[in-house]
């Protein structure tokens, strides 16, 4: 039996972000810059020079002005090497759920305004 392509298995639509982020690795090496390419209620995709091993644990935090702290934890489910890695969320706080809902409801013209309120995305990989 053939498995379905990943896009067909997704429960939630991915929303493009392309936000700069800081990637912190558990090995204590120097933090790296990367991008949070897209997000959904169920997961996200990051691009960074450092890959992430499949099943690695991930914690993501960022601030959305005026005073929301968005947080999610999950695991790496897809490693595309230098092209990035996909994360499936295991837990998402209410602020992140609201942010993703707001982003999904925003018109293409209004998305930059929503994204301009995001500060300091940081990803920790164990």
PDB file of N, CA and C in Angstrom:
ATOM      1  N   UNK A   1       0.835  -1.181   0.000  1.00  0.00           N
ATOM      2  CA  UNK A   1       0.000   0.000   0.000  1.00  0.00           C
ATOM      3  C   UNK A   1       0.880   1.246   0.000  1.00  0.00           C
ATOM      4  N   UNK A   2       0.594   2.196  -0.882  1.00  0.00           N
ATOM      5  CA  UNK A   2       1.354   3.445  -0.945  1.00  0.00           C
ATOM      6  C   UNK A   2       0.842   4.422   0.103  1.00  0.00           C
ATOM      7  N   UNK A   3       1.779   5.143   0.711  1.00  0.00           N
ATOM      8  CA  UNK A   3       1.354   6.157   1.676  1.00  0.00           C
ATOM      9  C   UNK A   3       0.971   7.430   0.928  1.00  0.00           C
ATOM     10  N   UNK A   4       0.119   8.211   1.547  1.00  0.00           N
ATOM     11  CA  UNK A   4      -0.320   9.464   0.946  1.00  0.00           C
ATOM     12  C   UNK A   4       0.794  10.503   1.066  1.00  0.00           C
ATOM     13  N   UNK A   5       0.898  11.407   0.092  1.00  0.00           N
ATOM     14  CA  UNK A   5       1.867  12.505   0.233  1.00  0.00           C
ATOM     15  C   UNK A   5       1.556  13.316   1.483  1.00  0.00           C
ATOM     16  N   UNK A   6       2.599  13.907   2.068  1.00  0.00           N
ATOM     17  CA  UNK A   6       2.446  14.649   3.322  1.00  0.00           C
ATOM     18  C   UNK A   6       1.380  15.723   3.230  1.00  0.00           C
ATOM     19  N   UNK A   7       1.308  16.439   2.102  1.00  0.00           N
ATOM     20  CA  UNK A   7       0.328  17.525   1.963  1.00  0.00           C
ATOM     21  C   UNK A   7      -1.098  16.998   2.094  1.00  0.00           C
ATOM     22  N   UNK A   8      -1.342  15.748   1.669  1.00  0.00           N
ATOM     23  CA  UNK A   8      -2.684  15.180   1.742  1.00  0.00           C
ATOM     24  C   UNK A   8      -3.008  14.657   3.140  1.00  0.00           C
ATOM     25  N   UNK A   9      -1.994  14.436   3.969  1.00  0.00           N
ATOM     26  CA  UNK A   9      -2.219  13.929   5.326  1.00  0.00           C
ATOM     27  C   UNK A   9      -2.417  15.050   6.328  1.00  0.00           C
ATOM     28  N   UNK A  10      -2.109  16.273   5.955  1.00  0.00           N
ATOM     29  CA  UNK A  10      -2.196  17.393   6.892  1.00  0.00           C
ATOM     30  C   UNK A  10      -3.632  17.656   7.299  1.00  0.00           C
ATOM     31  N   UNK A  11      -3.812  17.924   8.588  1.00  0.00           N
ATOM     32  CA  UNK A  11      -5.126  18.257   9.109  1.00  0.00           C
ATOM     33  C   UNK A  11      -5.400  19.753   9.053  1.00  0.00           C
ATOM     34  N   UNK A  12      -4.330  20.566   9.015  1.00  0.00           N
ATOM     35  CA  UNK A  12      -4.454  22.009   9.066  1.00  0.00           C
ATOM     36  C   UNK A  12      -3.670  22.635   7.917  1.00  0.00           C
ATOM     37  N   UNK A  13      -4.209  23.683   7.298  1.00  0.00           N
ATOM     38  CA  UNK A  13      -3.462  24.336   6.206  1.00  0.00           C
ATOM     39  C   UNK A  13      -2.232  25.071   6.730  1.00  0.00           C
ATOM     40  N   UNK A  14      -1.149  25.010   5.950  1.00  0.00           N
ATOM     41  CA  UNK A  14       0.076  25.731   6.292  1.00  0.00           C
ATOM     42  C   UNK A  14      -0.061  27.172   5.831  1.00  0.00           C
ATOM     43  N   UNK A  15       0.383  28.093   6.681  1.00  0.00           N
ATOM     44  CA  UNK A  15       0.327  29.520   6.382  1.00  0.00           C
ATOM     45  C   UNK A  15       1.748  30.052   6.246  1.00  0.00           C
ATOM     46  N   UNK A  16       2.077  30.711   5.139  1.00  0.00           N
ATOM     47  CA  UNK A  16       3.448  31.210   4.950  1.00  0.00           C
ATOM     48  C   UNK A  16       3.784  32.317   5.941  1.00  0.00           C
ATOM     49  N   UNK A  17       5.009  32.255   6.491  1.00  0.00           N
ATOM     50  CA  UNK A  17       5.480  33.266   7.439  1.00  0.00           C
ATOM     51  C   UNK A  17       6.767  33.929   6.968  1.00  0.00           C
ATOM     52  N   UNK A  18       7.789  33.109   6.729  1.00  0.00           N
ATOM     53  CA  UNK A  18       9.124  33.594   6.369  1.00  0.00           C
ATOM     54  C   UNK A  18       9.651  34.612   7.375  1.00  0.00           C
ATOM     55  N   UNK A  19       9.588  34.239   8.654  1.00  0.00           N
ATOM     56  CA  UNK A  19      10.087  35.081   9.740  1.00  0.00           C
ATOM     57  C   UNK A  19      11.488  34.641  10.149  1.00  0.00           C
ATOM     58  N   UNK A  20      12.371  35.593  10.365  1.00  0.00           N
ATOM     59  CA  UNK A  20      13.709  35.277  10.873  1.00  0.00           C
ATOM     60  C   UNK A  20      13.593  34.744  12.292  1.00  0.00           C
ATOM     61  N   UNK A  21      14.488  33.827  12.652  1.00  0.00           N
ATOM     62  CA  UNK A  21      14.468  33.231  13.981  1.00  0.00           C
ATOM     63  C   UNK A  21      15.869  32.917  14.438  1.00  0.00           C
ATOM     64  N   UNK A  22      15.986  32.614  15.726  1.00  0.00           N
ATOM     65  CA  UNK A  22      17.235  32.135  16.305  1.00  0.00           C
ATOM     66  C   UNK A  22      17.047  30.669  16.633  1.00  0.00           C
ATOM     67  N   UNK A  23      17.981  29.841  16.172  1.00  0.00           N
ATOM     68  CA  UNK A  23      17.952  28.402  16.405  1.00  0.00           C
ATOM     69  C   UNK A  23      19.006  28.068  17.455  1.00  0.00           C
ATOM     70  N   UNK A  24      18.570  27.474  18.576  1.00  0.00           N
ATOM     71  CA  UNK A  24      19.467  27.121  19.673  1.00  0.00           C
ATOM     72  C   UNK A  24      19.534  25.596  19.756  1.00  0.00           C
ATOM     73  N   UNK A  25      20.731  25.054  19.603  1.00  0.00           N
ATOM     74  CA  UNK A  25      20.926  23.603  19.631  1.00  0.00           C
ATOM     75  C   UNK A  25      21.352  23.158  21.024  1.00  0.00           C
ATOM     76  N   UNK A  26      20.956  21.959  21.401  1.00  0.00           N
ATOM     77  CA  UNK A  26      21.247  21.432  22.738  1.00  0.00           C
ATOM     78  C   UNK A  26      22.732  21.179  22.966  1.00  0.00           C
ATOM     79  N   UNK A  27      23.527  21.095  21.884  1.00  0.00           N
ATOM     80  CA  UNK A  27      24.950  20.797  22.056  1.00  0.00           C
ATOM     81  C   UNK A  27      25.754  22.010  22.549  1.00  0.00           C
ATOM     82  N   UNK A  28      25.100  23.144  22.746  1.00  0.00           N
ATOM     83  CA  UNK A  28      25.780  24.326  23.252  1.00  0.00           C
ATOM     84  C   UNK A  28      26.535  25.115  22.202  1.00  0.00           C
ATOM     85  N   UNK A  29      26.406  24.732  20.935  1.00  0.00           N
ATOM     86  CA  UNK A  29      27.095  25.476  19.881  1.00  0.00           C
ATOM     87  C   UNK A  29      26.460  26.860  19.715  1.00  0.00           C
ATOM     88  N   UNK A  30      27.132  27.696  18.968  1.00  0.00           N
ATOM     89  CA  UNK A  30      26.677  29.066  18.741  1.00  0.00           C
ATOM     90  C   UNK A  30      25.263  29.064  18.131  1.00  0.00           C
ATOM     91  N   UNK A  31      24.337  29.883  18.654  1.00  0.00           N
ATOM     92  CA  UNK A  31      22.999  29.976  18.043  1.00  0.00           C
ATOM     93  C   UNK A  31      23.110  30.384  16.579  1.00  0.00           C
ATOM     94  N   UNK A  32      22.175  29.917  15.765  1.00  0.00           N
ATOM     95  CA  UNK A  32      22.182  30.186  14.334  1.00  0.00           C
ATOM     96  C   UNK A  32      20.926  30.934  13.932  1.00  0.00           C
ATOM     97  N   UNK A  33      21.036  31.652  12.827  1.00  0.00           N
ATOM     98  CA  UNK A  33      19.864  32.316  12.263  1.00  0.00           C
ATOM     99  C   UNK A  33      19.185  31.355  11.297  1.00  0.00           C
ATOM    100  N   UNK A  34      17.897  31.480  11.179  1.00  0.00           N
ATOM    101  CA  UNK A  34      17.123  30.665  10.264  1.00  0.00           C
ATOM    102  C   UNK A  34      15.819  31.364   9.959  1.00  0.00           C
ATOM    103  N   UNK A  35      14.881  30.608   9.386  1.00  0.00           N
ATOM    104  CA  UNK A  35      13.567  31.159   9.076  1.00  0.00           C
ATOM    105  C   UNK A  35      12.477  30.193   9.464  1.00  0.00           C
ATOM    106  N   UNK A  36      11.413  30.739  10.018  1.00  0.00           N
ATOM    107  CA  UNK A  36      10.179  29.999  10.243  1.00  0.00           C
ATOM    108  C   UNK A  36       9.386  30.187   8.952  1.00  0.00           C
ATOM    109  N   UNK A  37       9.434  29.170   8.091  1.00  0.00           N
ATOM    110  CA  UNK A  37       8.873  29.303   6.741  1.00  0.00           C
ATOM    111  C   UNK A  37       7.350  29.298   6.739  1.00  0.00           C
ATOM    112  N   UNK A  38       6.752  28.357   7.499  1.00  0.00           N
ATOM    113  CA  UNK A  38       5.294  28.318   7.560  1.00  0.00           C
ATOM    114  C   UNK A  38       4.849  27.715   8.876  1.00  0.00           C
ATOM    115  N   UNK A  39       3.543  27.854   9.158  1.00  0.00           N
ATOM    116  CA  UNK A  39       2.990  27.387  10.422  1.00  0.00           C
ATOM    117  C   UNK A  39       1.534  26.978  10.214  1.00  0.00           C
ATOM    118  N   UNK A  40       1.054  26.077  11.061  1.00  0.00           N
ATOM    119  CA  UNK A  40      -0.356  25.705  11.111  1.00  0.00           C
ATOM    120  C   UNK A  40      -0.685  25.382  12.565  1.00  0.00           C
ATOM    121  N   UNK A  41      -1.923  25.033  12.836  1.00  0.00           N
ATOM    122  CA  UNK A  41      -2.278  24.611  14.187  1.00  0.00           C
ATOM    123  C   UNK A  41      -1.567  23.308  14.557  1.00  0.00           C
ATOM    124  N   UNK A  42      -1.134  22.536  13.562  1.00  0.00           N
ATOM    125  CA  UNK A  42      -0.536  21.233  13.832  1.00  0.00           C
ATOM    126  C   UNK A  42       0.966  21.141  13.720  1.00  0.00           C
ATOM    127  N   UNK A  43       1.619  22.192  13.188  1.00  0.00           N
ATOM    128  CA  UNK A  43       3.061  22.102  13.033  1.00  0.00           C
ATOM    129  C   UNK A  43       3.636  23.293  12.293  1.00  0.00           C
ATOM    130  N   UNK A  44       4.916  23.171  11.923  1.00  0.00           N
ATOM    131  CA  UNK A  44       5.594  24.266  11.231  1.00  0.00           C
ATOM    132  C   UNK A  44       6.790  23.706  10.471  1.00  0.00           C
ATOM    133  N   UNK A  45       7.402  24.568   9.672  1.00  0.00           N
ATOM    134  CA  UNK A  45       8.594  24.191   8.923  1.00  0.00           C
ATOM    135  C   UNK A  45       9.625  25.292   9.081  1.00  0.00           C
ATOM    136  N   UNK A  46      10.863  24.900   9.424  1.00  0.00           N
ATOM    137  CA  UNK A  46      11.979  25.821   9.625  1.00  0.00           C
ATOM    138  C   UNK A  46      13.034  25.591   8.565  1.00  0.00           C
ATOM    139  N   UNK A  47      13.710  26.649   8.175  1.00  0.00           N
ATOM    140  CA  UNK A  47      14.913  26.504   7.367  1.00  0.00           C
ATOM    141  C   UNK A  47      16.074  27.053   8.182  1.00  0.00           C
ATOM    142  N   UNK A  48      17.179  26.333   8.157  1.00  0.00           N
ATOM    143  CA  UNK A  48      18.390  26.729   8.884  1.00  0.00           C
ATOM    144  C   UNK A  48      19.543  25.905   8.338  1.00  0.00           C
ATOM    145  N   UNK A  49      20.757  26.432   8.486  1.00  0.00           N
ATOM    146  CA  UNK A  49      21.929  25.680   8.031  1.00  0.00           C
ATOM    147  C   UNK A  49      22.078  24.379   8.788  1.00  0.00           C
ATOM    148  N   UNK A  50      21.774  24.404  10.072  1.00  0.00           N
ATOM    149  CA  UNK A  50      21.851  23.179  10.882  1.00  0.00           C
ATOM    150  C   UNK A  50      20.564  22.389  10.689  1.00  0.00           C
ATOM    151  N   UNK A  51      20.700  21.144  10.380  1.00  0.00           N
ATOM    152  CA  UNK A  51      19.518  20.298  10.288  1.00  0.00           C
ATOM    153  C   UNK A  51      19.085  19.865  11.678  1.00  0.00           C
ATOM    154  N   UNK A  52      18.064  19.057  11.726  1.00  0.00           N
ATOM    155  CA  UNK A  52      17.580  18.528  12.995  1.00  0.00           C
ATOM    156  C   UNK A  52      17.297  17.047  12.798  1.00  0.00           C
ATOM    157  N   UNK A  53      17.721  16.252  13.748  1.00  0.00           N
ATOM    158  CA  UNK A  53      17.513  14.811  13.580  1.00  0.00           C
ATOM    159  C   UNK A  53      16.041  14.472  13.756  1.00  0.00           C
ATOM    160  N   UNK A  54      15.594  13.518  12.981  1.00  0.00           N
ATOM    161  CA  UNK A  54      14.204  13.071  13.050  1.00  0.00           C
ATOM    162  C   UNK A  54      13.895  12.617  14.473  1.00  0.00           C
ATOM    163  N   UNK A  55      12.728  12.975  14.957  1.00  0.00           N
ATOM    164  CA  UNK A  55      12.245  12.700  16.311  1.00  0.00           C
ATOM    165  C   UNK A  55      12.879  13.600  17.367  1.00  0.00           C
ATOM    166  N   UNK A  56      13.742  14.551  16.952  1.00  0.00           N
ATOM    167  CA  UNK A  56      14.304  15.493  17.910  1.00  0.00           C
ATOM    168  C   UNK A  56      13.201  16.338  18.534  1.00  0.00           C
ATOM    169  N   UNK A  57      13.375  16.707  19.777  1.00  0.00           N
ATOM    170  CA  UNK A  57      12.389  17.524  20.493  1.00  0.00           C
ATOM    171  C   UNK A  57      12.617  18.997  20.177  1.00  0.00           C
ATOM    172  N   UNK A  58      11.533  19.729  19.976  1.00  0.00           N
ATOM    173  CA  UNK A  58      11.600  21.133  19.593  1.00  0.00           C
ATOM    174  C   UNK A  58      10.696  21.955  20.502  1.00  0.00           C
ATOM    175  N   UNK A  59      11.197  23.102  20.934  1.00  0.00           N
ATOM    176  CA  UNK A  59      10.396  24.090  21.649  1.00  0.00           C
ATOM    177  C   UNK A  59      10.499  25.397  20.885  1.00  0.00           C
ATOM    178  N   UNK A  60       9.366  26.037  20.651  1.00  0.00           N
ATOM    179  CA  UNK A  60       9.318  27.295  19.917  1.00  0.00           C
ATOM    180  C   UNK A  60       8.628  28.340  20.780  1.00  0.00           C
ATOM    181  N   UNK A  61       9.225  29.534  20.858  1.00  0.00           N
ATOM    182  CA  UNK A  61       8.653  30.649  21.616  1.00  0.00           C
ATOM    183  C   UNK A  61       8.810  31.935  20.824  1.00  0.00           C
ATOM    184  N   UNK A  62       7.783  32.782  20.874  1.00  0.00           N
ATOM    185  CA  UNK A  62       7.915  34.135  20.350  1.00  0.00           C
ATOM    186  C   UNK A  62       6.831  35.020  20.950  1.00  0.00           C
ATOM    187  N   UNK A  63       7.083  36.316  20.884  1.00  0.00           N
ATOM    188  CA  UNK A  63       6.159  37.317  21.406  1.00  0.00           C
ATOM    189  C   UNK A  63       5.360  37.884  20.244  1.00  0.00           C
ATOM    190  N   UNK A  64       4.061  38.095  20.479  1.00  0.00           N
ATOM    191  CA  UNK A  64       3.219  38.813  19.536  1.00  0.00           C
ATOM    192  C   UNK A  64       2.685  40.034  20.288  1.00  0.00           C
ATOM    193  N   UNK A  65       3.039  41.212  19.791  1.00  0.00           N
ATOM    194  CA  UNK A  65       2.607  42.439  20.451  1.00  0.00           C
ATOM    195  C   UNK A  65       1.090  42.582  20.389  1.00  0.00           C
ATOM    196  N   UNK A  66       0.424  43.104  21.435  1.00  0.00           N
ATOM    197  CA  UNK A  66       1.046  43.863  22.497  1.00  0.00           C
ATOM    198  C   UNK A  66       1.580  43.005  23.648  1.00  0.00           C
ATOM    199  N   UNK A  67       1.024  41.815  23.945  1.00  0.00           N
ATOM    200  CA  UNK A  67       1.533  41.090  25.116  1.00  0.00           C
ATOM    201  C   UNK A  67       1.231  39.592  25.117  1.00  0.00           C
ATOM    202  N   UNK A  68       1.288  38.959  23.979  1.00  0.00           N
ATOM    203  CA  UNK A  68       1.071  37.516  23.906  1.00  0.00           C
ATOM    204  C   UNK A  68       2.410  36.796  23.801  1.00  0.00           C
ATOM    205  N   UNK A  69       2.546  35.708  24.529  1.00  0.00           N
ATOM    206  CA  UNK A  69       3.727  34.856  24.412  1.00  0.00           C
ATOM    207  C   UNK A  69       3.267  33.527  23.824  1.00  0.00           C
ATOM    208  N   UNK A  70       3.675  33.291  22.593  1.00  0.00           N
ATOM    209  CA  UNK A  70       3.281  32.076  21.879  1.00  0.00           C
ATOM    210  C   UNK A  70       4.304  30.986  22.142  1.00  0.00           C
ATOM    211  N   UNK A  71       3.808  29.764  22.397  1.00  0.00           N
ATOM    212  CA  UNK A  71       4.691  28.648  22.716  1.00  0.00           C
ATOM    213  C   UNK A  71       4.115  27.361  22.151  1.00  0.00           C
ATOM    214  N   UNK A  72       5.018  26.528  21.649  1.00  0.00           N
ATOM    215  CA  UNK A  72       4.638  25.185  21.191  1.00  0.00           C
ATOM    216  C   UNK A  72       5.809  24.251  21.432  1.00  0.00           C
ATOM    217  N   UNK A  73       5.481  23.001  21.673  1.00  0.00           N
ATOM    218  CA  UNK A  73       6.493  21.950  21.734  1.00  0.00           C
ATOM    219  C   UNK A  73       6.099  20.878  20.734  1.00  0.00           C
ATOM    220  N   UNK A  74       7.094  20.186  20.222  1.00  0.00           N
ATOM    221  CA  UNK A  74       6.802  19.149  19.252  1.00  0.00           C
ATOM    222  C   UNK A  74       8.027  18.323  18.946  1.00  0.00           C
ATOM    223  N   UNK A  75       7.953  17.603  17.831  1.00  0.00           N
ATOM    224  CA  UNK A  75       9.055  16.731  17.426  1.00  0.00           C
ATOM    225  C   UNK A  75       9.291  16.884  15.936  1.00  0.00           C
ATOM    226  N   UNK A  76      10.530  16.674  15.537  1.00  0.00           N
ATOM    227  CA  UNK A  76      10.895  16.744  14.120  1.00  0.00           C
ATOM    228  C   UNK A  76      10.339  15.499  13.434  1.00  0.00           C
ATOM    229  N   UNK A  77       9.529  15.720  12.405  1.00  0.00           N
ATOM    230  CA  UNK A  77       8.949  14.601  11.661  1.00  0.00           C
ATOM    231  C   UNK A  77       9.483  14.519  10.236  1.00  0.00           C
ATOM    232  N   UNK A  78      10.163  15.568   9.787  1.00  0.00           N
ATOM    233  CA  UNK A  78      10.735  15.565   8.447  1.00  0.00           C
ATOM    234  C   UNK A  78      12.026  16.364   8.468  1.00  0.00           C
ATOM    235  N   UNK A  79      13.112  15.740   8.045  1.00  0.00           N
ATOM    236  CA  UNK A  79      14.416  16.400   7.964  1.00  0.00           C
ATOM    237  C   UNK A  79      14.819  16.467   6.505  1.00  0.00           C
ATOM    238  N   UNK A  80      14.931  17.678   5.985  1.00  0.00           N
ATOM    239  CA  UNK A  80      15.336  17.878   4.594  1.00  0.00           C
ATOM    240  C   UNK A  80      16.753  18.441   4.525  1.00  0.00           C
ATOM    241  N   UNK A  81      17.568  18.122   5.541  1.00  0.00           N
ATOM    242  CA  UNK A  81      18.959  18.568   5.563  1.00  0.00           C
ATOM    243  C   UNK A  81      19.069  20.078   5.532  1.00  0.00           C
ATOM    244  N   UNK A  82      19.867  20.599   4.599  1.00  0.00           N
ATOM    245  CA  UNK A  82      20.083  22.041   4.507  1.00  0.00           C
ATOM    246  C   UNK A  82      18.829  22.804   4.086  1.00  0.00           C
ATOM    247  N   UNK A  83      17.810  22.092   3.577  1.00  0.00           N
ATOM    248  CA  UNK A  83      16.568  22.755   3.165  1.00  0.00           C
ATOM    249  C   UNK A  83      15.626  23.009   4.330  1.00  0.00           C
ATOM    250  N   UNK A  84      15.875  22.380   5.476  1.00  0.00           N
ATOM    251  CA  UNK A  84      15.049  22.635   6.644  1.00  0.00           C
ATOM    252  C   UNK A  84      14.461  21.378   7.252  1.00  0.00           C
ATOM    253  N   UNK A  85      13.508  21.601   8.172  1.00  0.00           N
ATOM    254  CA  UNK A  85      12.889  20.474   8.859  1.00  0.00           C
ATOM    255  C   UNK A  85      11.461  20.819   9.278  1.00  0.00           C
ATOM    256  N   UNK A  86      10.620  19.787   9.246  1.00  0.00           N
ATOM    257  CA  UNK A  86       9.222  19.931   9.621  1.00  0.00           C
ATOM    258  C   UNK A  86       8.999  19.446  11.032  1.00  0.00           C
ATOM    259  N   UNK A  87       8.155  20.163  11.767  1.00  0.00           N
ATOM    260  CA  UNK A  87       7.853  19.853  13.161  1.00  0.00           C
ATOM    261  C   UNK A  87       6.357  19.610  13.307  1.00  0.00           C
ATOM    262  N   UNK A  88       6.016  18.551  14.006  1.00  0.00           N
ATOM    263  CA  UNK A  88       4.625  18.287  14.382  1.00  0.00           C
ATOM    264  C   UNK A  88       4.467  18.700  15.839  1.00  0.00           C
ATOM    265  N   UNK A  89       3.511  19.591  16.105  1.00  0.00           N
ATOM    266  CA  UNK A  89       3.298  20.057  17.468  1.00  0.00           C
ATOM    267  C   UNK A  89       2.629  18.977  18.309  1.00  0.00           C
ATOM    268  N   UNK A  90       3.090  18.868  19.561  1.00  0.00           N
ATOM    269  CA  UNK A  90       2.437  18.009  20.540  1.00  0.00           C
ATOM    270  C   UNK A  90       1.593  18.829  21.491  1.00  0.00           C
ATOM    271  N   UNK A  91       2.031  20.066  21.743  1.00  0.00           N
ATOM    272  CA  UNK A  91       1.309  20.987  22.623  1.00  0.00           C
ATOM    273  C   UNK A  91       1.478  22.404  22.103  1.00  0.00           C
ATOM    274  N   UNK A  92       0.383  23.153  22.129  1.00  0.00           N
ATOM    275  CA  UNK A  92       0.362  24.542  21.666  1.00  0.00           C
ATOM    276  C   UNK A  92      -0.420  25.351  22.688  1.00  0.00           C
ATOM    277  N   UNK A  93       0.130  26.503  23.102  1.00  0.00           N
ATOM    278  CA  UNK A  93      -0.604  27.300  24.078  1.00  0.00           C
ATOM    279  C   UNK A  93      -1.707  28.125  23.393  1.00  0.00           C
ATOM    280  N   UNK A  94      -2.669  28.636  24.165  1.00  0.00           N
ATOM    281  CA  UNK A  94      -3.786  29.388  23.573  1.00  0.00           C
ATOM    282  C   UNK A  94      -3.349  30.624  22.781  1.00  0.00           C
ATOM    283  N   UNK A  95      -2.273  31.304  23.207  1.00  0.00           N
ATOM    284  CA  UNK A  95      -1.812  32.481  22.464  1.00  0.00           C
ATOM    285  C   UNK A  95      -1.356  32.102  21.057  1.00  0.00           C
ATOM    286  N   UNK A  96      -0.671  30.979  20.906  1.00  0.00           N
ATOM    287  CA  UNK A  96      -0.243  30.546  19.580  1.00  0.00           C
ATOM    288  C   UNK A  96      -1.451  30.138  18.742  1.00  0.00           C
ATOM    289  N   UNK A  97      -2.409  29.461  19.345  1.00  0.00           N
ATOM    290  CA  UNK A  97      -3.628  29.096  18.616  1.00  0.00           C
ATOM    291  C   UNK A  97      -4.326  30.345  18.080  1.00  0.00           C
ATOM    292  N   UNK A  98      -4.441  31.378  18.922  1.00  0.00           N
ATOM    293  CA  UNK A  98      -5.082  32.627  18.485  1.00  0.00           C
ATOM    294  C   UNK A  98      -4.285  33.303  17.370  1.00  0.00           C
ATOM    295  N   UNK A  99      -2.954  33.301  17.494  1.00  0.00           N
ATOM    296  CA  UNK A  99      -2.124  33.914  16.463  1.00  0.00           C
ATOM    297  C   UNK A  99      -2.323  33.212  15.120  1.00  0.00           C
ATOM    298  N   UNK A 100      -2.305  31.898  15.107  1.00  0.00           N
ATOM    299  CA  UNK A 100      -2.480  31.159  13.855  1.00  0.00           C
ATOM    300  C   UNK A 100      -3.880  31.412  13.291  1.00  0.00           C
ATOM    301  N   UNK A 101      -4.889  31.450  14.148  1.00  0.00           N
ATOM    302  CA  UNK A 101      -6.249  31.760  13.687  1.00  0.00           C
ATOM    303  C   UNK A 101      -6.314  33.159  13.071  1.00  0.00           C
ATOM    304  N   UNK A 102      -5.666  34.137  13.715  1.00  0.00           N
ATOM    305  CA  UNK A 102      -5.659  35.509  13.204  1.00  0.00           C
ATOM    306  C   UNK A 102      -4.947  35.576  11.856  1.00  0.00           C
ATOM    307  N   UNK A 103      -3.833  34.865  11.742  1.00  0.00           N
ATOM    308  CA  UNK A 103      -3.088  34.842  10.485  1.00  0.00           C
ATOM    309  C   UNK A 103      -3.923  34.203   9.376  1.00  0.00           C
ATOM    310  N   UNK A 104      -4.617  33.121   9.697  1.00  0.00           N
ATOM    311  CA  UNK A 104      -5.451  32.437   8.707  1.00  0.00           C
ATOM    312  C   UNK A 104      -6.605  33.323   8.243  1.00  0.00           C
ATOM    313  N   UNK A 105      -7.151  34.129   9.142  1.00  0.00           N
ATOM    314  CA  UNK A 105      -8.292  34.988   8.813  1.00  0.00           C
ATOM    315  C   UNK A 105      -7.880  36.265   8.087  1.00  0.00           C
ATOM    316  N   UNK A 106      -6.611  36.625   8.157  1.00  0.00           N
ATOM    317  CA  UNK A 106      -6.138  37.873   7.548  1.00  0.00           C
ATOM    318  C   UNK A 106      -6.121  37.758   6.026  1.00  0.00           C
ATOM    319  N   UNK A 107      -6.477  38.839   5.379  1.00  0.00           N
ATOM    320  CA  UNK A 107      -6.379  38.894   3.919  1.00  0.00           C
ATOM    321  C   UNK A 107      -4.896  38.944   3.543  1.00  0.00           C
ATOM    322  N   UNK A 108      -4.564  38.593   2.305  1.00  0.00           N
ATOM    323  CA  UNK A 108      -3.161  38.702   1.886  1.00  0.00           C
ATOM    324  C   UNK A 108      -2.594  40.110   2.105  1.00  0.00           C
ATOM    325  N   UNK A 109      -3.408  41.135   1.930  1.00  0.00           N
ATOM    326  CA  UNK A 109      -2.947  42.507   2.130  1.00  0.00           C
ATOM    327  C   UNK A 109      -2.716  42.819   3.607  1.00  0.00           C
ATOM    328  N   UNK A 110      -3.431  42.123   4.503  1.00  0.00           N
ATOM    329  CA  UNK A 110      -3.340  42.399   5.941  1.00  0.00           C
ATOM    330  C   UNK A 110      -2.300  41.519   6.649  1.00  0.00           C
ATOM    331  N   UNK A 111      -1.821  40.456   6.001  1.00  0.00           N
ATOM    332  CA  UNK A 111      -0.850  39.555   6.645  1.00  0.00           C
ATOM    333  C   UNK A 111       0.426  40.247   7.094  1.00  0.00           C
ATOM    334  N   UNK A 112       0.999  41.161   6.301  1.00  0.00           N
ATOM    335  CA  UNK A 112       2.209  41.837   6.785  1.00  0.00           C
ATOM    336  C   UNK A 112       1.988  42.566   8.115  1.00  0.00           C
ATOM    337  N   UNK A 113       0.814  43.159   8.311  1.00  0.00           N
ATOM    338  CA  UNK A 113       0.519  43.825   9.582  1.00  0.00           C
ATOM    339  C   UNK A 113       0.515  42.825  10.722  1.00  0.00           C
ATOM    340  N   UNK A 114      -0.101  41.662  10.520  1.00  0.00           N
ATOM    341  CA  UNK A 114      -0.139  40.624  11.553  1.00  0.00           C
ATOM    342  C   UNK A 114       1.280  40.157  11.869  1.00  0.00           C
ATOM    343  N   UNK A 115       2.071  39.901  10.846  1.00  0.00           N
ATOM    344  CA  UNK A 115       3.428  39.390  11.042  1.00  0.00           C
ATOM    345  C   UNK A 115       4.366  40.431  11.645  1.00  0.00           C
ATOM    346  N   UNK A 116       4.087  41.720  11.425  1.00  0.00           N
ATOM    347  CA  UNK A 116       4.963  42.763  11.967  1.00  0.00           C
ATOM    348  C   UNK A 116       4.911  42.826  13.489  1.00  0.00           C
ATOM    349  N   UNK A 117       3.922  42.208  14.105  1.00  0.00           N
ATOM    350  CA  UNK A 117       3.791  42.205  15.562  1.00  0.00           C
ATOM    351  C   UNK A 117       4.577  41.075  16.219  1.00  0.00           C
ATOM    352  N   UNK A 118       5.215  40.208  15.431  1.00  0.00           N
ATOM    353  CA  UNK A 118       5.968  39.068  15.972  1.00  0.00           C
ATOM    354  C   UNK A 118       7.389  39.516  16.302  1.00  0.00           C
ATOM    355  N   UNK A 119       7.836  39.202  17.534  1.00  0.00           N
ATOM    356  CA  UNK A 119       9.182  39.553  17.991  1.00  0.00           C
ATOM    357  C   UNK A 119       9.949  38.300  18.421  1.00  0.00           C
ATOM    358  N   UNK A 120      11.198  38.265  18.095  1.00  0.00           N
ATOM    359  CA  UNK A 120      12.163  37.324  18.666  1.00  0.00           C
ATOM    360  C   UNK A 120      11.796  35.841  18.625  1.00  0.00           C
ATOM    361  N   UNK A 121      11.412  35.291  17.460  1.00  0.00           N
ATOM    362  CA  UNK A 121      11.176  33.843  17.442  1.00  0.00           C
ATOM    363  C   UNK A 121      12.459  33.089  17.784  1.00  0.00           C
ATOM    364  N   UNK A 122      12.342  32.128  18.691  1.00  0.00           N
ATOM    365  CA  UNK A 122      13.476  31.327  19.116  1.00  0.00           C
ATOM    366  C   UNK A 122      13.060  29.866  19.141  1.00  0.00           C
ATOM    367  N   UNK A 123      13.890  29.016  18.560  1.00  0.00           N
ATOM    368  CA  UNK A 123      13.630  27.598  18.470  1.00  0.00           C
ATOM    369  C   UNK A 123      14.736  26.858  19.202  1.00  0.00           C
ATOM    370  N   UNK A 124      14.361  25.953  20.084  1.00  0.00           N
ATOM    371  CA  UNK A 124      15.324  25.121  20.815  1.00  0.00           C
ATOM    372  C   UNK A 124      15.153  23.684  20.348  1.00  0.00           C
ATOM    373  N   UNK A 125      16.274  23.047  20.009  1.00  0.00           N
ATOM    374  CA  UNK A 125      16.244  21.658  19.549  1.00  0.00           C
ATOM    375  C   UNK A 125      17.073  20.796  20.477  1.00  0.00           C
ATOM    376  N   UNK A 126      16.487  19.714  20.945  1.00  0.00           N
ATOM    377  CA  UNK A 126      17.196  18.772  21.814  1.00  0.00           C
ATOM    378  C   UNK A 126      17.411  17.454  21.084  1.00  0.00           C
TER     379      UNK A 126
END
